[in-house]
Amino acid sequence: MMALPTQLKAIQHHLRTAQEHEKREPVVAYYCRLYAMQTGMKLDSKTPECRKFLVKLMDQLETMKKELSDNESISQEIVGNAHVENYAIKMFLYADSEDRSGHFHKNMIKSFYTSSLLFDVLSVFGELSEENIQHRKYAKWKAAYIHNCLKNGETPQPGPIGMEGEAYDDEFGAEGGGPSQAPYDPPPSQPSFHGHPSNQPPAPNFSNIQIPPGSHAPANTPADIPHPEAQPIKPVPVPRAMPVVDPSLLNNTQDGDLRLTPEDFTRAQKYCKYAGSALQYEDVGTAVQNLQRALKLLTTGKE
């Protein structure tokens, strides 16, 4: 690709993420470039250098679309949405697990920041959910906070804490990208994910982030920058608990007078696609949860 015009600087990290995932996760790379192209068109599509760059990017997207034409994540938007969202959440959970365990290193920082970029990318499929908006904001802030702590020789506090303004000028390329707004409270109806240790200050923000089951990293979590001072931590296999199946769904058949709407069928299909995508990461719990939702919707008309 040609040099990125200054006017399109805001998409440089999404393009870099696409380049990093070119071989190992081409679907992620494709949607990162699609997001960059759509955002770039909004930023500046009139000046000659920007127009030329965006035309080249469009050509690259067309080439990728042809090469990946047999991939359902490209040919069916709903599958692509599930694929990118699952990948972003797995990367977020990997970084969050490392953070809560007190394992602070560059790979974890990069995973936090990359997941925030992928939550940006999800906007190509429509408006972001409230959960993903929270994940994105928290991941960007955590990446900046931990990076700056390590840069200044300080020990970061693990887990959610009160957000403060952080500037993120790391070697991964972000410059001043950290949020600087005041802390905010998530909706009180969301279930708590993790409590706070008693020796930490209270944290109204992000203490109630809703995160799907499973906390293992995706197979392609970036690992190209090892921690220079610590020995690599070998993953410890965790026995998988069998997910609980709602017995009331096992023998359900559709009510005779039930009339499903086209939207119901679309939502049921979405749950099935999410389940298939979860199985790509061997996330049985999430797969079962989504299949149960689809079955309940198709047999009762309710979610």
C-alpha atoms as a PDB file:
ATOM      1  CA  MET A   1       0.000   0.000   0.000  1.00  0.00           C
ATOM      2  CA  MET A   2       1.038   3.574  -0.665  1.00  0.00           C
ATOM      3  CA  ALA A   3       1.820   5.958   2.180  1.00  0.00           C
ATOM      4  CA  LEU A   4      -1.162   6.935   4.324  1.00  0.00           C
ATOM      5  CA  PRO A   5      -2.175  10.590   3.853  1.00  0.00           C
ATOM      6  CA  THR A   6      -2.101  12.703   7.000  1.00  0.00           C
ATOM      7  CA  GLN A   7      -5.830  13.358   6.749  1.00  0.00           C
ATOM      8  CA  LEU A   8      -6.491   9.624   7.196  1.00  0.00           C
ATOM      9  CA  LYS A   9      -4.232   9.143  10.197  1.00  0.00           C
ATOM     10  CA  ALA A  10      -7.182   7.975  12.325  1.00  0.00           C
ATOM     11  CA  ILE A  11      -7.354   4.673  10.408  1.00  0.00           C
ATOM     12  CA  GLN A  12      -3.656   3.808  10.495  1.00  0.00           C
ATOM     13  CA  HIS A  13      -3.941   1.385  13.426  1.00  0.00           C
ATOM     14  CA  HIS A  14      -6.861  -0.473  11.879  1.00  0.00           C
ATOM     15  CA  LEU A  15      -4.835  -0.887   8.691  1.00  0.00           C
ATOM     16  CA  ARG A  16      -1.858  -2.093  10.707  1.00  0.00           C
ATOM     17  CA  THR A  17      -4.084  -4.619  12.481  1.00  0.00           C
ATOM     18  CA  ALA A  18      -5.274  -5.816   9.069  1.00  0.00           C
ATOM     19  CA  GLN A  19      -1.686  -6.277   7.937  1.00  0.00           C
ATOM     20  CA  GLU A  20      -0.792  -8.213  11.085  1.00  0.00           C
ATOM     21  CA  HIS A  21      -3.723 -10.598  10.562  1.00  0.00           C
ATOM     22  CA  GLU A  22      -3.295 -10.982   6.796  1.00  0.00           C
ATOM     23  CA  LYS A  23      -2.132 -14.601   6.918  1.00  0.00           C
ATOM     24  CA  ARG A  24      -3.463 -15.974  10.205  1.00  0.00           C
ATOM     25  CA  GLU A  25      -6.938 -14.333  10.262  1.00  0.00           C
ATOM     26  CA  PRO A  26      -7.801 -13.076   6.762  1.00  0.00           C
ATOM     27  CA  VAL A  27     -11.454 -12.505   7.707  1.00  0.00           C
ATOM     28  CA  VAL A  28     -10.382 -10.125  10.477  1.00  0.00           C
ATOM     29  CA  ALA A  29      -7.971  -8.429   8.065  1.00  0.00           C
ATOM     30  CA  TYR A  30     -10.732  -7.976   5.480  1.00  0.00           C
ATOM     31  CA  TYR A  31     -13.169  -6.308   7.869  1.00  0.00           C
ATOM     32  CA  CYS A  32     -10.416  -4.108   9.355  1.00  0.00           C
ATOM     33  CA  ARG A  33      -9.746  -2.779   5.851  1.00  0.00           C
ATOM     34  CA  LEU A  34     -13.463  -2.404   5.162  1.00  0.00           C
ATOM     35  CA  TYR A  35     -13.822  -0.328   8.327  1.00  0.00           C
ATOM     36  CA  ALA A  36     -10.756   1.740   7.349  1.00  0.00           C
ATOM     37  CA  MET A  37     -12.180   2.358   3.879  1.00  0.00           C
ATOM     38  CA  GLN A  38     -15.623   3.379   5.162  1.00  0.00           C
ATOM     39  CA  THR A  39     -14.112   5.634   7.826  1.00  0.00           C
ATOM     40  CA  GLY A  40     -11.620   7.094   5.374  1.00  0.00           C
ATOM     41  CA  MET A  41     -14.438   8.028   2.996  1.00  0.00           C
ATOM     42  CA  LYS A  42     -16.029  10.037   5.813  1.00  0.00           C
ATOM     43  CA  LEU A  43     -12.744  11.682   6.791  1.00  0.00           C
ATOM     44  CA  ASP A  44     -11.625  12.878   3.345  1.00  0.00           C
ATOM     45  CA  SER A  45     -12.570  11.451  -0.033  1.00  0.00           C
ATOM     46  CA  LYS A  46     -12.073  14.650  -2.044  1.00  0.00           C
ATOM     47  CA  THR A  47      -8.398  15.585  -1.902  1.00  0.00           C
ATOM     48  CA  PRO A  48      -6.373  13.827  -4.630  1.00  0.00           C
ATOM     49  CA  GLU A  49      -4.002  11.965  -2.307  1.00  0.00           C
ATOM     50  CA  CYS A  50      -6.826  10.633  -0.124  1.00  0.00           C
ATOM     51  CA  ARG A  51      -8.964   9.656  -3.095  1.00  0.00           C
ATOM     52  CA  LYS A  52      -6.054   7.810  -4.655  1.00  0.00           C
ATOM     53  CA  PHE A  53      -5.307   5.973  -1.410  1.00  0.00           C
ATOM     54  CA  LEU A  54      -8.934   4.965  -0.888  1.00  0.00           C
ATOM     55  CA  VAL A  55      -9.280   3.700  -4.468  1.00  0.00           C
ATOM     56  CA  LYS A  56      -6.237   1.481  -3.897  1.00  0.00           C
ATOM     57  CA  LEU A  57      -7.801   0.251  -0.661  1.00  0.00           C
ATOM     58  CA  MET A  58     -11.053  -0.540  -2.475  1.00  0.00           C
ATOM     59  CA  ASP A  59      -9.126  -2.537  -5.073  1.00  0.00           C
ATOM     60  CA  GLN A  60      -7.408  -4.467  -2.293  1.00  0.00           C
ATOM     61  CA  LEU A  61     -10.783  -5.223  -0.682  1.00  0.00           C
ATOM     62  CA  GLU A  62     -12.201  -6.479  -3.980  1.00  0.00           C
ATOM     63  CA  THR A  63      -9.208  -8.774  -4.426  1.00  0.00           C
ATOM     64  CA  MET A  64      -9.590 -10.146  -0.909  1.00  0.00           C
ATOM     65  CA  LYS A  65     -13.333 -10.640  -1.395  1.00  0.00           C
ATOM     66  CA  LYS A  66     -12.688 -12.759  -4.496  1.00  0.00           C
ATOM     67  CA  GLU A  67      -9.967 -14.775  -2.774  1.00  0.00           C
ATOM     68  CA  LEU A  68     -12.243 -15.435   0.221  1.00  0.00           C
ATOM     69  CA  SER A  69     -15.459 -15.925  -1.761  1.00  0.00           C
ATOM     70  CA  ASP A  70     -15.903 -19.460  -0.392  1.00  0.00           C
ATOM     71  CA  ASN A  71     -15.693 -18.222   3.204  1.00  0.00           C
ATOM     72  CA  GLU A  72     -19.128 -17.745   4.804  1.00  0.00           C
ATOM     73  CA  SER A  73     -17.722 -14.997   7.025  1.00  0.00           C
ATOM     74  CA  ILE A  74     -17.254 -12.923   3.869  1.00  0.00           C
ATOM     75  CA  SER A  75     -20.267 -14.009   1.824  1.00  0.00           C
ATOM     76  CA  GLN A  76     -22.706 -13.758   4.769  1.00  0.00           C
ATOM     77  CA  GLU A  77     -22.482 -10.612   6.832  1.00  0.00           C
ATOM     78  CA  ILE A  78     -24.124 -12.155   9.887  1.00  0.00           C
ATOM     79  CA  VAL A  79     -21.417 -14.828  10.024  1.00  0.00           C
ATOM     80  CA  GLY A  80     -18.693 -12.219   9.578  1.00  0.00           C
ATOM     81  CA  ASN A  81     -20.162 -10.203  12.430  1.00  0.00           C
ATOM     82  CA  ALA A  82     -20.085 -13.236  14.722  1.00  0.00           C
ATOM     83  CA  HIS A  83     -16.529 -14.121  13.678  1.00  0.00           C
ATOM     84  CA  VAL A  84     -15.057 -10.667  14.313  1.00  0.00           C
ATOM     85  CA  GLU A  85     -17.008 -10.157  17.530  1.00  0.00           C
ATOM     86  CA  ASN A  86     -15.938 -13.513  18.963  1.00  0.00           C
ATOM     87  CA  TYR A  87     -12.316 -12.821  18.034  1.00  0.00           C
ATOM     88  CA  ALA A  88     -12.401  -9.357  19.609  1.00  0.00           C
ATOM     89  CA  ILE A  89     -13.979 -10.670  22.812  1.00  0.00           C
ATOM     90  CA  LYS A  90     -11.506 -13.565  23.088  1.00  0.00           C
ATOM     91  CA  MET A  91      -8.604 -11.144  22.702  1.00  0.00           C
ATOM     92  CA  PHE A  92     -10.158  -8.820  25.291  1.00  0.00           C
ATOM     93  CA  LEU A  93     -10.652 -11.725  27.713  1.00  0.00           C
ATOM     94  CA  TYR A  94      -7.059 -12.887  27.276  1.00  0.00           C
ATOM     95  CA  ALA A  95      -5.758  -9.414  28.144  1.00  0.00           C
ATOM     96  CA  ASP A  96      -8.258  -9.014  30.985  1.00  0.00           C
ATOM     97  CA  SER A  97      -7.270 -12.384  32.463  1.00  0.00           C
ATOM     98  CA  GLU A  98      -3.576 -11.468  32.319  1.00  0.00           C
ATOM     99  CA  ASP A  99      -4.345  -8.085  33.894  1.00  0.00           C
ATOM    100  CA  ARG A 100      -6.379  -9.520  36.774  1.00  0.00           C
ATOM    101  CA  SER A 101      -3.625 -12.080  37.398  1.00  0.00           C
ATOM    102  CA  GLY A 102      -1.029  -9.309  37.634  1.00  0.00           C
ATOM    103  CA  HIS A 103       0.839 -10.454  34.502  1.00  0.00           C
ATOM    104  CA  PHE A 104       1.726  -7.136  32.879  1.00  0.00           C
ATOM    105  CA  HIS A 105       3.614  -7.331  29.576  1.00  0.00           C
ATOM    106  CA  LYS A 106       3.662  -5.863  26.081  1.00  0.00           C
ATOM    107  CA  ASN A 107       1.703  -8.705  24.537  1.00  0.00           C
ATOM    108  CA  MET A 108      -1.154  -8.111  26.976  1.00  0.00           C
ATOM    109  CA  ILE A 109      -1.092  -4.355  26.333  1.00  0.00           C
ATOM    110  CA  LYS A 110      -1.213  -4.957  22.601  1.00  0.00           C
ATOM    111  CA  SER A 111      -4.095  -7.407  23.001  1.00  0.00           C
ATOM    112  CA  PHE A 112      -6.099  -4.827  24.953  1.00  0.00           C
ATOM    113  CA  TYR A 113      -5.447  -2.168  22.328  1.00  0.00           C
ATOM    114  CA  THR A 114      -6.058  -4.449  19.340  1.00  0.00           C
ATOM    115  CA  SER A 115      -9.356  -5.631  20.826  1.00  0.00           C
ATOM    116  CA  SER A 116     -10.450  -1.998  21.122  1.00  0.00           C
ATOM    117  CA  LEU A 117      -9.713  -1.522  17.414  1.00  0.00           C
ATOM    118  CA  LEU A 118     -11.724  -4.628  16.558  1.00  0.00           C
ATOM    119  CA  PHE A 119     -14.689  -3.298  18.526  1.00  0.00           C
ATOM    120  CA  ASP A 120     -14.404  -0.242  16.258  1.00  0.00           C
ATOM    121  CA  VAL A 121     -14.491  -2.579  13.261  1.00  0.00           C
ATOM    122  CA  LEU A 122     -17.772  -4.137  14.427  1.00  0.00           C
ATOM    123  CA  SER A 123     -19.495  -0.873  13.489  1.00  0.00           C
ATOM    124  CA  VAL A 124     -19.379  -1.963   9.822  1.00  0.00           C
ATOM    125  CA  PHE A 125     -22.183  -4.398  10.731  1.00  0.00           C
ATOM    126  CA  GLY A 126     -24.355  -1.787  12.450  1.00  0.00           C
ATOM    127  CA  GLU A 127     -24.603   0.045  15.745  1.00  0.00           C
ATOM    128  CA  LEU A 128     -22.443  -1.353  18.554  1.00  0.00           C
ATOM    129  CA  SER A 129     -24.107  -2.993  21.535  1.00  0.00           C
ATOM    130  CA  GLU A 130     -23.776  -1.265  24.894  1.00  0.00           C
ATOM    131  CA  GLU A 131     -21.547  -4.123  26.094  1.00  0.00           C
ATOM    132  CA  ASN A 132     -19.133  -3.706  23.196  1.00  0.00           C
ATOM    133  CA  ILE A 133     -19.034   0.057  23.664  1.00  0.00           C
ATOM    134  CA  GLN A 134     -17.974  -0.552  27.265  1.00  0.00           C
ATOM    135  CA  HIS A 135     -15.421  -3.186  26.247  1.00  0.00           C
ATOM    136  CA  ARG A 136     -13.899  -0.813  23.688  1.00  0.00           C
ATOM    137  CA  LYS A 137     -13.604   2.112  26.089  1.00  0.00           C
ATOM    138  CA  TYR A 138     -12.192  -0.054  28.877  1.00  0.00           C
ATOM    139  CA  ALA A 139      -9.682  -1.815  26.610  1.00  0.00           C
ATOM    140  CA  LYS A 140      -8.329   1.464  25.213  1.00  0.00           C
ATOM    141  CA  TRP A 141      -7.995   2.946  28.667  1.00  0.00           C
ATOM    142  CA  LYS A 142      -6.374  -0.190  30.132  1.00  0.00           C
ATOM    143  CA  ALA A 143      -3.812  -0.347  27.307  1.00  0.00           C
ATOM    144  CA  ALA A 144      -2.835   3.278  27.941  1.00  0.00           C
ATOM    145  CA  TYR A 145      -2.837   2.947  31.727  1.00  0.00           C
ATOM    146  CA  ILE A 146      -0.690  -0.202  31.900  1.00  0.00           C
ATOM    147  CA  HIS A 147       1.696   1.005  29.202  1.00  0.00           C
ATOM    148  CA  ASN A 148       2.282   4.306  30.970  1.00  0.00           C
ATOM    149  CA  CYS A 149       2.754   2.594  34.341  1.00  0.00           C
ATOM    150  CA  LEU A 150       5.421   0.261  32.942  1.00  0.00           C
ATOM    151  CA  LYS A 151       7.044   3.126  31.052  1.00  0.00           C
ATOM    152  CA  ASN A 152       7.331   5.123  34.279  1.00  0.00           C
ATOM    153  CA  GLY A 153       8.553   2.184  36.370  1.00  0.00           C
ATOM    154  CA  GLU A 154       5.293   1.918  38.299  1.00  0.00           C
ATOM    155  CA  THR A 155       3.287  -1.199  39.137  1.00  0.00           C
ATOM    156  CA  PRO A 156      -0.193  -1.119  37.566  1.00  0.00           C
ATOM    157  CA  GLN A 157      -3.247  -1.973  39.646  1.00  0.00           C
ATOM    158  CA  PRO A 158      -4.932  -5.082  38.254  1.00  0.00           C
ATOM    159  CA  GLY A 159      -8.588  -5.178  37.336  1.00  0.00           C
ATOM    160  CA  PRO A 160     -11.097  -2.330  37.043  1.00  0.00           C
ATOM    161  CA  ILE A 161     -10.182   0.879  38.851  1.00  0.00           C
ATOM    162  CA  GLY A 162     -11.326   4.478  38.587  1.00  0.00           C
ATOM    163  CA  MET A 163     -10.583   5.723  35.068  1.00  0.00           C
ATOM    164  CA  GLU A 164      -8.435   8.788  34.610  1.00  0.00           C
ATOM    165  CA  GLY A 165      -7.100  10.439  31.482  1.00  0.00           C
ATOM    166  CA  GLU A 166      -4.255   8.514  29.845  1.00  0.00           C
ATOM    167  CA  ALA A 167      -2.290   9.298  26.696  1.00  0.00           C
ATOM    168  CA  TYR A 168      -1.154   6.289  24.699  1.00  0.00           C
ATOM    169  CA  ASP A 169       2.049   6.872  22.753  1.00  0.00           C
ATOM    170  CA  ASP A 170       3.436   3.365  22.584  1.00  0.00           C
ATOM    171  CA  GLU A 171       5.601   1.663  20.026  1.00  0.00           C
ATOM    172  CA  PHE A 172       2.547  -0.012  18.522  1.00  0.00           C
ATOM    173  CA  GLY A 173       1.740   3.349  16.983  1.00  0.00           C
ATOM    174  CA  ALA A 174      -1.113   4.901  18.968  1.00  0.00           C
ATOM    175  CA  GLU A 175      -0.586   8.541  19.780  1.00  0.00           C
ATOM    176  CA  GLY A 176      -2.754  10.218  22.339  1.00  0.00           C
ATOM    177  CA  GLY A 177      -5.513   7.691  21.735  1.00  0.00           C
ATOM    178  CA  GLY A 178      -6.384   7.064  25.369  1.00  0.00           C
ATOM    179  CA  PRO A 179      -9.723   8.320  26.634  1.00  0.00           C
ATOM    180  CA  SER A 180      -9.650  11.366  28.873  1.00  0.00           C
ATOM    181  CA  GLN A 181     -13.300  11.597  29.858  1.00  0.00           C
ATOM    182  CA  ALA A 182     -14.597  11.200  33.395  1.00  0.00           C
ATOM    183  CA  PRO A 183     -15.608   7.773  34.710  1.00  0.00           C
ATOM    184  CA  TYR A 184     -19.110   6.645  33.897  1.00  0.00           C
ATOM    185  CA  ASP A 185     -21.490   4.112  35.377  1.00  0.00           C
ATOM    186  CA  PRO A 186     -22.712   1.188  33.286  1.00  0.00           C
ATOM    187  CA  PRO A 187     -26.400   0.260  33.468  1.00  0.00           C
ATOM    188  CA  PRO A 188     -27.148  -1.117  36.979  1.00  0.00           C
ATOM    189  CA  SER A 189     -29.135  -4.012  35.513  1.00  0.00           C
ATOM    190  CA  GLN A 190     -26.040  -5.741  34.168  1.00  0.00           C
ATOM    191  CA  PRO A 191     -24.680  -8.623  36.257  1.00  0.00           C
ATOM    192  CA  SER A 192     -21.353  -8.242  37.989  1.00  0.00           C
ATOM    193  CA  PHE A 193     -18.453 -10.010  36.304  1.00  0.00           C
ATOM    194  CA  HIS A 194     -15.734  -9.654  38.945  1.00  0.00           C
ATOM    195  CA  GLY A 195     -15.727  -8.085  42.366  1.00  0.00           C
ATOM    196  CA  HIS A 196     -13.040  -5.742  43.550  1.00  0.00           C
ATOM    197  CA  PRO A 197     -10.365  -6.741  46.055  1.00  0.00           C
ATOM    198  CA  SER A 198     -10.994  -5.038  49.381  1.00  0.00           C
ATOM    199  CA  ASN A 199      -7.637  -3.274  49.262  1.00  0.00           C
ATOM    200  CA  GLN A 200      -8.502  -1.443  46.030  1.00  0.00           C
ATOM    201  CA  PRO A 201     -10.403   1.830  45.782  1.00  0.00           C
ATOM    202  CA  PRO A 202     -14.049   1.529  44.758  1.00  0.00           C
ATOM    203  CA  ALA A 203     -14.558   1.546  41.007  1.00  0.00           C
ATOM    204  CA  PRO A 204     -18.033   2.437  39.834  1.00  0.00           C
ATOM    205  CA  ASN A 205     -16.985   2.246  36.215  1.00  0.00           C
ATOM    206  CA  PHE A 206     -16.614  -1.099  34.423  1.00  0.00           C
ATOM    207  CA  SER A 207     -17.216  -3.190  37.542  1.00  0.00           C
ATOM    208  CA  ASN A 208     -20.328  -4.539  35.860  1.00  0.00           C
ATOM    209  CA  ILE A 209     -18.983  -5.281  32.390  1.00  0.00           C
ATOM    210  CA  GLN A 210     -20.956  -8.161  30.962  1.00  0.00           C
ATOM    211  CA  ILE A 211     -18.612 -10.692  29.397  1.00  0.00           C
ATOM    212  CA  PRO A 212     -19.617 -13.970  27.724  1.00  0.00           C
ATOM    213  CA  PRO A 213     -18.466 -17.333  29.134  1.00  0.00           C
ATOM    214  CA  GLY A 214     -14.935 -18.478  28.418  1.00  0.00           C
ATOM    215  CA  SER A 215     -11.669 -16.711  29.137  1.00  0.00           C
ATOM    216  CA  HIS A 216      -9.070 -18.397  26.954  1.00  0.00           C
ATOM    217  CA  ALA A 217      -7.213 -16.464  24.312  1.00  0.00           C
ATOM    218  CA  PRO A 218      -7.961 -16.993  20.627  1.00  0.00           C
ATOM    219  CA  ALA A 219      -5.461 -19.190  18.827  1.00  0.00           C
ATOM    220  CA  ASN A 220      -4.022 -16.172  17.069  1.00  0.00           C
ATOM    221  CA  THR A 221      -3.641 -13.751  19.945  1.00  0.00           C
ATOM    222  CA  PRO A 222      -0.619 -11.647  18.932  1.00  0.00           C
ATOM    223  CA  ALA A 223       2.484 -13.055  20.539  1.00  0.00           C
ATOM    224  CA  ASP A 224       5.234 -11.511  18.457  1.00  0.00           C
ATOM    225  CA  ILE A 225       6.514  -9.235  21.237  1.00  0.00           C
ATOM    226  CA  PRO A 226       7.603 -11.304  24.246  1.00  0.00           C
ATOM    227  CA  HIS A 227       8.095  -9.687  27.613  1.00  0.00           C
ATOM    228  CA  PRO A 228      11.807  -8.826  27.773  1.00  0.00           C
ATOM    229  CA  GLU A 229      12.205  -9.451  31.493  1.00  0.00           C
ATOM    230  CA  ALA A 230       9.945 -12.346  32.367  1.00  0.00           C
ATOM    231  CA  GLN A 231       9.978 -15.973  31.391  1.00  0.00           C
ATOM    232  CA  PRO A 232       7.002 -16.990  29.247  1.00  0.00           C
ATOM    233  CA  ILE A 233       4.142 -18.322  31.314  1.00  0.00           C
ATOM    234  CA  LYS A 234       3.035 -21.767  30.244  1.00  0.00           C
ATOM    235  CA  PRO A 235      -0.740 -22.079  30.007  1.00  0.00           C
ATOM    236  CA  VAL A 236      -2.289 -24.451  32.513  1.00  0.00           C
ATOM    237  CA  PRO A 237      -5.032 -26.648  31.045  1.00  0.00           C
ATOM    238  CA  VAL A 238      -8.355 -25.963  32.710  1.00  0.00           C
ATOM    239  CA  PRO A 239     -10.930 -28.771  32.865  1.00  0.00           C
ATOM    240  CA  ARG A 240     -14.063 -27.819  31.007  1.00  0.00           C
ATOM    241  CA  ALA A 241     -17.326 -27.918  32.870  1.00  0.00           C
ATOM    242  CA  MET A 242     -20.240 -29.244  30.877  1.00  0.00           C
ATOM    243  CA  PRO A 243     -22.683 -26.412  30.193  1.00  0.00           C
ATOM    244  CA  VAL A 244     -26.090 -26.684  31.815  1.00  0.00           C
ATOM    245  CA  VAL A 245     -28.874 -27.380  29.334  1.00  0.00           C
ATOM    246  CA  ASP A 246     -32.357 -26.099  30.103  1.00  0.00           C
ATOM    247  CA  PRO A 247     -34.405 -29.326  30.372  1.00  0.00           C
ATOM    248  CA  SER A 248     -37.589 -27.528  29.339  1.00  0.00           C
ATOM    249  CA  LEU A 249     -36.096 -27.051  25.874  1.00  0.00           C
ATOM    250  CA  LEU A 250     -35.201 -30.689  25.232  1.00  0.00           C
ATOM    251  CA  ASN A 251     -38.663 -31.860  24.180  1.00  0.00           C
ATOM    252  CA  ASN A 252     -40.046 -28.574  22.942  1.00  0.00           C
ATOM    253  CA  THR A 253     -41.997 -28.454  19.721  1.00  0.00           C
ATOM    254  CA  GLN A 254     -43.428 -25.401  18.079  1.00  0.00           C
ATOM    255  CA  ASP A 255     -46.834 -24.306  19.338  1.00  0.00           C
ATOM    256  CA  GLY A 256     -49.504 -24.981  16.723  1.00  0.00           C
ATOM    257  CA  ASP A 257     -50.786 -21.417  16.602  1.00  0.00           C
ATOM    258  CA  LEU A 258     -47.369 -19.780  16.852  1.00  0.00           C
ATOM    259  CA  ARG A 259     -46.650 -17.290  14.067  1.00  0.00           C
ATOM    260  CA  LEU A 260     -43.018 -16.323  13.736  1.00  0.00           C
ATOM    261  CA  THR A 261     -42.080 -13.072  12.032  1.00  0.00           C
ATOM    262  CA  PRO A 262     -39.241 -12.676   9.506  1.00  0.00           C
ATOM    263  CA  GLU A 263     -37.334 -10.885  12.267  1.00  0.00           C
ATOM    264  CA  ASP A 264     -37.689 -13.953  14.499  1.00  0.00           C
ATOM    265  CA  PHE A 265     -36.165 -16.165  11.816  1.00  0.00           C
ATOM    266  CA  THR A 266     -33.334 -13.686  11.327  1.00  0.00           C
ATOM    267  CA  ARG A 267     -32.585 -13.614  15.066  1.00  0.00           C
ATOM    268  CA  ALA A 268     -32.687 -17.423  15.299  1.00  0.00           C
ATOM    269  CA  GLN A 269     -30.289 -17.665  12.374  1.00  0.00           C
ATOM    270  CA  LYS A 270     -28.019 -15.139  14.068  1.00  0.00           C
ATOM    271  CA  TYR A 271     -27.889 -17.228  17.259  1.00  0.00           C
ATOM    272  CA  CYS A 272     -27.032 -20.353  15.247  1.00  0.00           C
ATOM    273  CA  LYS A 273     -24.260 -18.505  13.410  1.00  0.00           C
ATOM    274  CA  TYR A 274     -22.886 -17.217  16.714  1.00  0.00           C
ATOM    275  CA  ALA A 275     -22.879 -20.784  18.022  1.00  0.00           C
ATOM    276  CA  GLY A 276     -20.948 -22.000  14.986  1.00  0.00           C
ATOM    277  CA  SER A 277     -18.420 -19.224  15.343  1.00  0.00           C
ATOM    278  CA  ALA A 278     -17.979 -20.000  19.062  1.00  0.00           C
ATOM    279  CA  LEU A 279     -17.217 -23.626  18.208  1.00  0.00           C
ATOM    280  CA  GLN A 280     -14.334 -22.455  16.021  1.00  0.00           C
ATOM    281  CA  TYR A 281     -12.720 -21.412  19.315  1.00  0.00           C
ATOM    282  CA  GLU A 282     -13.930 -24.566  21.099  1.00  0.00           C
ATOM    283  CA  ASP A 283     -16.115 -22.377  23.313  1.00  0.00           C
ATOM    284  CA  VAL A 284     -18.805 -24.938  24.126  1.00  0.00           C
ATOM    285  CA  GLY A 285     -20.558 -22.827  26.745  1.00  0.00           C
ATOM    286  CA  THR A 286     -21.203 -19.910  24.391  1.00  0.00           C
ATOM    287  CA  ALA A 287     -22.271 -22.280  21.608  1.00  0.00           C
ATOM    288  CA  VAL A 288     -24.821 -24.036  23.825  1.00  0.00           C
ATOM    289  CA  GLN A 289     -26.107 -20.724  25.164  1.00  0.00           C
ATOM    290  CA  ASN A 290     -26.786 -19.396  21.671  1.00  0.00           C
ATOM    291  CA  LEU A 291     -28.363 -22.628  20.453  1.00  0.00           C
ATOM    292  CA  GLN A 292     -30.692 -22.592  23.452  1.00  0.00           C
ATOM    293  CA  ARG A 293     -31.714 -19.040  22.603  1.00  0.00           C
ATOM    294  CA  ALA A 294     -32.469 -20.045  19.015  1.00  0.00           C
ATOM    295  CA  LEU A 295     -34.476 -23.094  20.114  1.00  0.00           C
ATOM    296  CA  LYS A 296     -36.502 -21.085  22.635  1.00  0.00           C
ATOM    297  CA  LEU A 297     -37.243 -18.405  20.059  1.00  0.00           C
ATOM    298  CA  LEU A 298     -38.380 -20.908  17.429  1.00  0.00           C
ATOM    299  CA  THR A 299     -40.605 -22.868  19.815  1.00  0.00           C
ATOM    300  CA  THR A 300     -42.105 -20.067  21.909  1.00  0.00           C
ATOM    301  CA  GLY A 301     -41.636 -16.912  19.844  1.00  0.00           C
ATOM    302  CA  LYS A 302     -39.908 -15.368  22.835  1.00  0.00           C
ATOM    303  CA  GLU A 303     -36.276 -14.814  23.822  1.00  0.00           C
END
